[in-house]
Amino acid sequence: MEGSVPIKHIVARFYLTTGGANPVRDWLMRLPVLDRKQVGHDIRDVEFGWPVGMPLCKSLGDGLWEIRSDLPSRRIARVLFCVIEGELLLLHGFIKKTQKTPPGDLKLARRRMKEAKR
């Protein structure tokens, strides 16, 4: 419909530690402005288009997903997330430096996902 406002299919929220820290937001804020904007646009595209497949989103199995961002700084970022109670929970963000997602990053995201589902 012309002039209609797009509707979010799902709302993204940041994972918070039990101590109240916000590691994904903190990581985002350390990125250069243009890179941060690109990651933000990609998260927004997932919110308004969910479910989204490749090349923007990829399932990592067992309910863990990644948002895939090509940054203006010529780097690659990933934001790992899960869907809990109809919300997109942003679990972990990092700059990708190898072909495969590092096991430590996957382990951290899976631990946070498990913690959030309790």
N, C-alpha and C. Protein backbone atom coordinates (compact mmCIF):
# COMPACT_ATOMS: atom_id res chain seq x y z
N MET A 1 0.84 -1.17 0.00
CA MET A 1 0.00 0.00 0.00
C MET A 1 0.89 1.25 0.00
N GLU A 2 0.62 2.16 -0.90
CA GLU A 2 1.44 3.37 -1.02
C GLU A 2 1.33 4.23 0.23
N GLY A 3 2.50 4.70 0.73
CA GLY A 3 2.53 5.57 1.88
C GLY A 3 2.35 4.85 3.21
N SER A 4 2.25 3.53 3.18
CA SER A 4 2.07 2.81 4.44
C SER A 4 3.40 2.69 5.17
N VAL A 5 3.29 2.58 6.47
CA VAL A 5 4.47 2.46 7.32
C VAL A 5 4.82 0.98 7.44
N PRO A 6 6.10 0.61 7.21
CA PRO A 6 6.47 -0.80 7.35
C PRO A 6 6.25 -1.28 8.79
N ILE A 7 5.92 -2.54 8.92
CA ILE A 7 5.64 -3.12 10.23
C ILE A 7 6.77 -4.06 10.63
N LYS A 8 7.21 -3.90 11.87
CA LYS A 8 8.23 -4.82 12.38
C LYS A 8 7.59 -6.18 12.58
N HIS A 9 8.26 -7.19 12.10
CA HIS A 9 7.80 -8.55 12.30
C HIS A 9 8.28 -9.10 13.63
N ILE A 10 9.41 -8.56 14.08
CA ILE A 10 10.04 -9.02 15.31
C ILE A 10 10.85 -7.85 15.87
N VAL A 11 10.95 -7.76 17.17
CA VAL A 11 11.69 -6.67 17.81
C VAL A 11 13.02 -7.21 18.33
N ALA A 12 14.09 -6.48 18.05
CA ALA A 12 15.41 -6.87 18.53
C ALA A 12 15.66 -6.23 19.90
N ARG A 13 16.27 -7.01 20.77
CA ARG A 13 16.72 -6.45 22.05
C ARG A 13 18.09 -7.04 22.35
N PHE A 14 18.84 -6.31 23.17
CA PHE A 14 20.19 -6.72 23.51
C PHE A 14 20.19 -7.68 24.69
N TYR A 15 21.06 -8.66 24.63
CA TYR A 15 21.31 -9.54 25.77
C TYR A 15 21.94 -8.70 26.88
N LEU A 16 21.46 -8.89 28.10
CA LEU A 16 22.04 -8.25 29.28
C LEU A 16 22.59 -9.31 30.21
N THR A 17 23.77 -9.07 30.76
CA THR A 17 24.33 -10.01 31.73
C THR A 17 23.53 -9.90 33.03
N THR A 18 23.72 -10.86 33.92
CA THR A 18 23.03 -10.81 35.21
C THR A 18 23.44 -9.56 35.99
N GLY A 19 24.62 -9.04 35.72
CA GLY A 19 25.09 -7.82 36.38
C GLY A 19 24.62 -6.54 35.69
N GLY A 20 23.86 -6.69 34.59
CA GLY A 20 23.33 -5.51 33.89
C GLY A 20 24.20 -4.98 32.77
N ALA A 21 25.33 -5.64 32.49
CA ALA A 21 26.18 -5.20 31.38
C ALA A 21 25.50 -5.51 30.05
N ASN A 22 25.85 -4.74 29.04
CA ASN A 22 25.24 -4.85 27.72
C ASN A 22 26.36 -5.08 26.70
N PRO A 23 26.91 -6.31 26.61
CA PRO A 23 28.11 -6.54 25.81
C PRO A 23 27.95 -6.30 24.31
N VAL A 24 26.79 -6.60 23.74
CA VAL A 24 26.62 -6.40 22.29
C VAL A 24 26.53 -4.91 21.97
N ARG A 25 25.78 -4.18 22.77
CA ARG A 25 25.69 -2.73 22.56
C ARG A 25 27.05 -2.08 22.76
N ASP A 26 27.78 -2.51 23.79
CA ASP A 26 29.11 -1.96 24.04
C ASP A 26 30.03 -2.22 22.85
N TRP A 27 29.97 -3.44 22.28
CA TRP A 27 30.78 -3.78 21.11
C TRP A 27 30.41 -2.87 19.94
N LEU A 28 29.10 -2.71 19.71
CA LEU A 28 28.64 -1.85 18.62
C LEU A 28 29.16 -0.41 18.77
N MET A 29 29.11 0.10 19.98
CA MET A 29 29.52 1.48 20.21
C MET A 29 31.03 1.69 20.01
N ARG A 30 31.80 0.61 20.05
CA ARG A 30 33.25 0.73 19.80
C ARG A 30 33.58 0.69 18.31
N LEU A 31 32.61 0.32 17.48
CA LEU A 31 32.85 0.29 16.03
C LEU A 31 32.89 1.71 15.48
N PRO A 32 33.62 1.91 14.37
CA PRO A 32 33.56 3.21 13.70
C PRO A 32 32.11 3.51 13.30
N VAL A 33 31.77 4.79 13.23
CA VAL A 33 30.38 5.21 13.00
C VAL A 33 29.76 4.54 11.77
N LEU A 34 30.44 4.55 10.64
CA LEU A 34 29.86 3.97 9.43
C LEU A 34 29.64 2.47 9.56
N ASP A 35 30.56 1.79 10.23
CA ASP A 35 30.39 0.35 10.46
C ASP A 35 29.20 0.10 11.38
N ARG A 36 29.09 0.91 12.42
CA ARG A 36 27.98 0.77 13.37
C ARG A 36 26.64 0.99 12.66
N LYS A 37 26.61 1.98 11.77
CA LYS A 37 25.38 2.23 11.01
C LYS A 37 25.01 1.04 10.14
N GLN A 38 26.00 0.42 9.52
CA GLN A 38 25.72 -0.72 8.65
C GLN A 38 25.15 -1.88 9.46
N VAL A 39 25.75 -2.19 10.60
CA VAL A 39 25.24 -3.27 11.46
C VAL A 39 23.82 -2.93 11.90
N GLY A 40 23.59 -1.67 12.27
CA GLY A 40 22.24 -1.24 12.67
C GLY A 40 21.22 -1.42 11.56
N HIS A 41 21.60 -1.07 10.33
CA HIS A 41 20.70 -1.25 9.18
C HIS A 41 20.40 -2.73 8.97
N ASP A 42 21.42 -3.57 9.13
CA ASP A 42 21.21 -5.00 8.92
C ASP A 42 20.29 -5.58 10.00
N ILE A 43 20.46 -5.15 11.24
CA ILE A 43 19.57 -5.61 12.32
C ILE A 43 18.14 -5.14 12.01
N ARG A 44 18.00 -3.90 11.59
CA ARG A 44 16.67 -3.37 11.24
C ARG A 44 16.04 -4.18 10.11
N ASP A 45 16.85 -4.54 9.10
CA ASP A 45 16.32 -5.33 7.99
C ASP A 45 15.79 -6.68 8.48
N VAL A 46 16.44 -7.26 9.47
CA VAL A 46 15.95 -8.52 10.04
C VAL A 46 14.65 -8.27 10.80
N GLU A 47 14.59 -7.19 11.58
CA GLU A 47 13.38 -6.88 12.34
C GLU A 47 12.16 -6.72 11.41
N PHE A 48 12.34 -6.04 10.29
CA PHE A 48 11.23 -5.76 9.40
C PHE A 48 10.97 -6.88 8.39
N GLY A 49 11.92 -7.79 8.22
CA GLY A 49 11.75 -8.83 7.21
C GLY A 49 11.70 -10.25 7.73
N TRP A 50 11.76 -10.41 9.04
CA TRP A 50 11.84 -11.77 9.61
C TRP A 50 10.68 -12.63 9.16
N PRO A 51 10.91 -13.89 8.77
CA PRO A 51 12.21 -14.56 8.72
C PRO A 51 12.99 -14.18 7.46
N VAL A 52 14.30 -14.08 7.62
CA VAL A 52 15.20 -13.67 6.54
C VAL A 52 16.25 -14.76 6.35
N GLY A 53 16.55 -15.05 5.09
CA GLY A 53 17.58 -16.04 4.80
C GLY A 53 18.86 -15.38 4.29
N MET A 54 19.64 -16.18 3.60
CA MET A 54 20.89 -15.72 3.04
C MET A 54 20.63 -14.65 1.98
N PRO A 55 21.50 -13.68 1.80
CA PRO A 55 22.82 -13.59 2.40
C PRO A 55 22.85 -12.85 3.75
N LEU A 56 21.72 -12.30 4.20
CA LEU A 56 21.73 -11.50 5.42
C LEU A 56 21.78 -12.36 6.68
N CYS A 57 21.01 -13.43 6.72
CA CYS A 57 20.94 -14.29 7.92
C CYS A 57 21.27 -15.73 7.56
N LYS A 58 21.88 -16.39 8.53
CA LYS A 58 22.21 -17.80 8.34
C LYS A 58 21.97 -18.52 9.66
N SER A 59 21.35 -19.68 9.58
CA SER A 59 21.16 -20.50 10.76
C SER A 59 22.47 -21.20 11.11
N LEU A 60 22.80 -21.18 12.40
CA LEU A 60 23.99 -21.88 12.88
C LEU A 60 23.59 -23.16 13.62
N GLY A 61 22.30 -23.47 13.61
CA GLY A 61 21.79 -24.69 14.22
C GLY A 61 21.34 -24.49 15.66
N ASP A 62 20.42 -25.33 16.07
CA ASP A 62 19.90 -25.34 17.45
C ASP A 62 19.36 -23.98 17.90
N GLY A 63 18.75 -23.24 16.97
CA GLY A 63 18.12 -21.97 17.33
C GLY A 63 19.04 -20.76 17.33
N LEU A 64 20.31 -20.95 16.99
CA LEU A 64 21.27 -19.84 16.92
C LEU A 64 21.38 -19.39 15.47
N TRP A 65 21.34 -18.07 15.27
CA TRP A 65 21.42 -17.46 13.95
C TRP A 65 22.51 -16.40 13.93
N GLU A 66 22.92 -16.01 12.72
CA GLU A 66 23.85 -14.90 12.59
C GLU A 66 23.32 -13.89 11.59
N ILE A 67 23.55 -12.61 11.91
CA ILE A 67 23.33 -11.52 10.96
C ILE A 67 24.70 -11.23 10.36
N ARG A 68 24.75 -11.22 9.04
CA ARG A 68 26.02 -11.11 8.32
C ARG A 68 26.15 -9.70 7.72
N SER A 69 27.13 -8.95 8.18
CA SER A 69 27.31 -7.56 7.73
C SER A 69 28.66 -7.38 7.05
N ASP A 70 28.62 -6.83 5.86
CA ASP A 70 29.83 -6.37 5.18
C ASP A 70 29.97 -4.89 5.49
N LEU A 71 31.07 -4.54 6.15
CA LEU A 71 31.23 -3.18 6.67
C LEU A 71 31.95 -2.25 5.70
N PRO A 72 31.67 -0.95 5.80
CA PRO A 72 32.38 0.03 4.96
C PRO A 72 33.90 -0.02 5.15
N SER A 73 34.36 -0.45 6.33
CA SER A 73 35.80 -0.52 6.60
C SER A 73 36.44 -1.75 5.95
N ARG A 74 35.66 -2.44 5.11
CA ARG A 74 36.12 -3.63 4.38
C ARG A 74 36.37 -4.81 5.31
N ARG A 75 35.67 -4.82 6.43
CA ARG A 75 35.72 -5.96 7.34
C ARG A 75 34.36 -6.63 7.33
N ILE A 76 34.29 -7.75 8.02
CA ILE A 76 33.05 -8.52 8.11
C ILE A 76 32.66 -8.63 9.58
N ALA A 77 31.40 -8.30 9.88
CA ALA A 77 30.91 -8.42 11.26
C ALA A 77 29.81 -9.46 11.30
N ARG A 78 29.68 -10.05 12.46
CA ARG A 78 28.60 -11.00 12.72
C ARG A 78 27.94 -10.62 14.04
N VAL A 79 26.62 -10.68 14.06
CA VAL A 79 25.86 -10.56 15.30
C VAL A 79 25.10 -11.87 15.44
N LEU A 80 25.39 -12.60 16.51
CA LEU A 80 24.74 -13.87 16.75
C LEU A 80 23.49 -13.62 17.60
N PHE A 81 22.40 -14.30 17.23
CA PHE A 81 21.14 -14.06 17.93
C PHE A 81 20.29 -15.33 17.98
N CYS A 82 19.27 -15.28 18.82
CA CYS A 82 18.25 -16.32 18.86
C CYS A 82 16.90 -15.63 18.95
N VAL A 83 15.85 -16.39 18.79
CA VAL A 83 14.50 -15.85 18.92
C VAL A 83 13.89 -16.48 20.17
N ILE A 84 13.51 -15.61 21.11
CA ILE A 84 12.90 -16.07 22.35
C ILE A 84 11.62 -15.27 22.57
N GLU A 85 10.53 -15.97 22.76
CA GLU A 85 9.23 -15.35 23.05
C GLU A 85 8.92 -14.23 22.05
N GLY A 86 9.16 -14.52 20.78
CA GLY A 86 8.81 -13.56 19.74
C GLY A 86 9.73 -12.36 19.61
N GLU A 87 10.88 -12.41 20.27
CA GLU A 87 11.86 -11.33 20.17
C GLU A 87 13.18 -11.87 19.67
N LEU A 88 13.89 -11.01 18.94
CA LEU A 88 15.22 -11.33 18.46
C LEU A 88 16.19 -10.89 19.55
N LEU A 89 16.87 -11.82 20.18
CA LEU A 89 17.80 -11.49 21.26
C LEU A 89 19.22 -11.50 20.71
N LEU A 90 19.85 -10.31 20.69
CA LEU A 90 21.21 -10.15 20.16
C LEU A 90 22.19 -10.61 21.24
N LEU A 91 22.86 -11.73 21.01
CA LEU A 91 23.67 -12.40 22.02
C LEU A 91 25.14 -12.01 22.01
N HIS A 92 25.70 -11.81 20.81
CA HIS A 92 27.15 -11.60 20.71
C HIS A 92 27.47 -10.97 19.37
N GLY A 93 28.40 -10.03 19.36
CA GLY A 93 28.85 -9.40 18.13
C GLY A 93 30.36 -9.43 18.05
N PHE A 94 30.89 -9.62 16.83
CA PHE A 94 32.34 -9.67 16.66
C PHE A 94 32.71 -9.39 15.21
N ILE A 95 33.97 -9.03 15.02
CA ILE A 95 34.54 -8.87 13.68
C ILE A 95 35.10 -10.22 13.28
N LYS A 96 34.69 -10.68 12.13
CA LYS A 96 35.10 -12.00 11.66
C LYS A 96 36.47 -11.90 11.00
N LYS A 97 37.39 -12.75 11.44
CA LYS A 97 38.76 -12.70 10.92
C LYS A 97 39.17 -13.99 10.22
N THR A 98 38.35 -15.03 10.33
CA THR A 98 38.65 -16.31 9.70
C THR A 98 37.43 -16.78 8.91
N GLN A 99 37.63 -17.78 8.07
CA GLN A 99 36.55 -18.30 7.23
C GLN A 99 35.42 -18.87 8.08
N LYS A 100 35.77 -19.65 9.10
CA LYS A 100 34.77 -20.25 9.98
C LYS A 100 34.57 -19.38 11.21
N THR A 101 33.37 -19.43 11.76
CA THR A 101 33.11 -18.71 13.00
C THR A 101 33.92 -19.36 14.11
N PRO A 102 34.72 -18.58 14.83
CA PRO A 102 35.56 -19.15 15.88
C PRO A 102 34.73 -19.89 16.95
N PRO A 103 35.19 -21.06 17.37
CA PRO A 103 34.46 -21.85 18.37
C PRO A 103 34.17 -21.08 19.66
N GLY A 104 35.09 -20.21 20.08
CA GLY A 104 34.87 -19.44 21.30
C GLY A 104 33.68 -18.50 21.19
N ASP A 105 33.51 -17.91 20.01
CA ASP A 105 32.38 -17.01 19.78
C ASP A 105 31.06 -17.79 19.78
N LEU A 106 31.07 -18.96 19.15
CA LEU A 106 29.87 -19.80 19.15
C LEU A 106 29.53 -20.27 20.57
N LYS A 107 30.54 -20.68 21.31
CA LYS A 107 30.33 -21.17 22.68
C LYS A 107 29.73 -20.07 23.55
N LEU A 108 30.27 -18.85 23.43
CA LEU A 108 29.77 -17.73 24.22
C LEU A 108 28.31 -17.44 23.89
N ALA A 109 27.98 -17.40 22.59
CA ALA A 109 26.60 -17.13 22.18
C ALA A 109 25.65 -18.23 22.65
N ARG A 110 26.09 -19.47 22.56
CA ARG A 110 25.23 -20.59 23.00
C ARG A 110 25.02 -20.55 24.52
N ARG A 111 26.06 -20.17 25.26
CA ARG A 111 25.92 -20.06 26.72
C ARG A 111 24.92 -18.96 27.07
N ARG A 112 25.03 -17.83 26.39
CA ARG A 112 24.11 -16.72 26.64
C ARG A 112 22.68 -17.09 26.25
N MET A 113 22.53 -17.84 25.16
CA MET A 113 21.21 -18.27 24.72
C MET A 113 20.59 -19.19 25.78
N LYS A 114 21.37 -20.13 26.26
CA LYS A 114 20.90 -21.07 27.28
C LYS A 114 20.49 -20.31 28.54
N GLU A 115 21.31 -19.35 28.95
CA GLU A 115 21.03 -18.53 30.13
C GLU A 115 19.73 -17.75 29.95
N ALA A 116 19.53 -17.18 28.76
CA ALA A 116 18.34 -16.36 28.49
C ALA A 116 17.06 -17.18 28.47
N LYS A 117 17.17 -18.47 28.12
CA LYS A 117 15.97 -19.32 28.02
C LYS A 117 15.53 -19.86 29.38
N ARG A 118 16.32 -19.64 30.43
CA ARG A 118 15.94 -20.14 31.76
C ARG A 118 14.76 -19.42 32.31
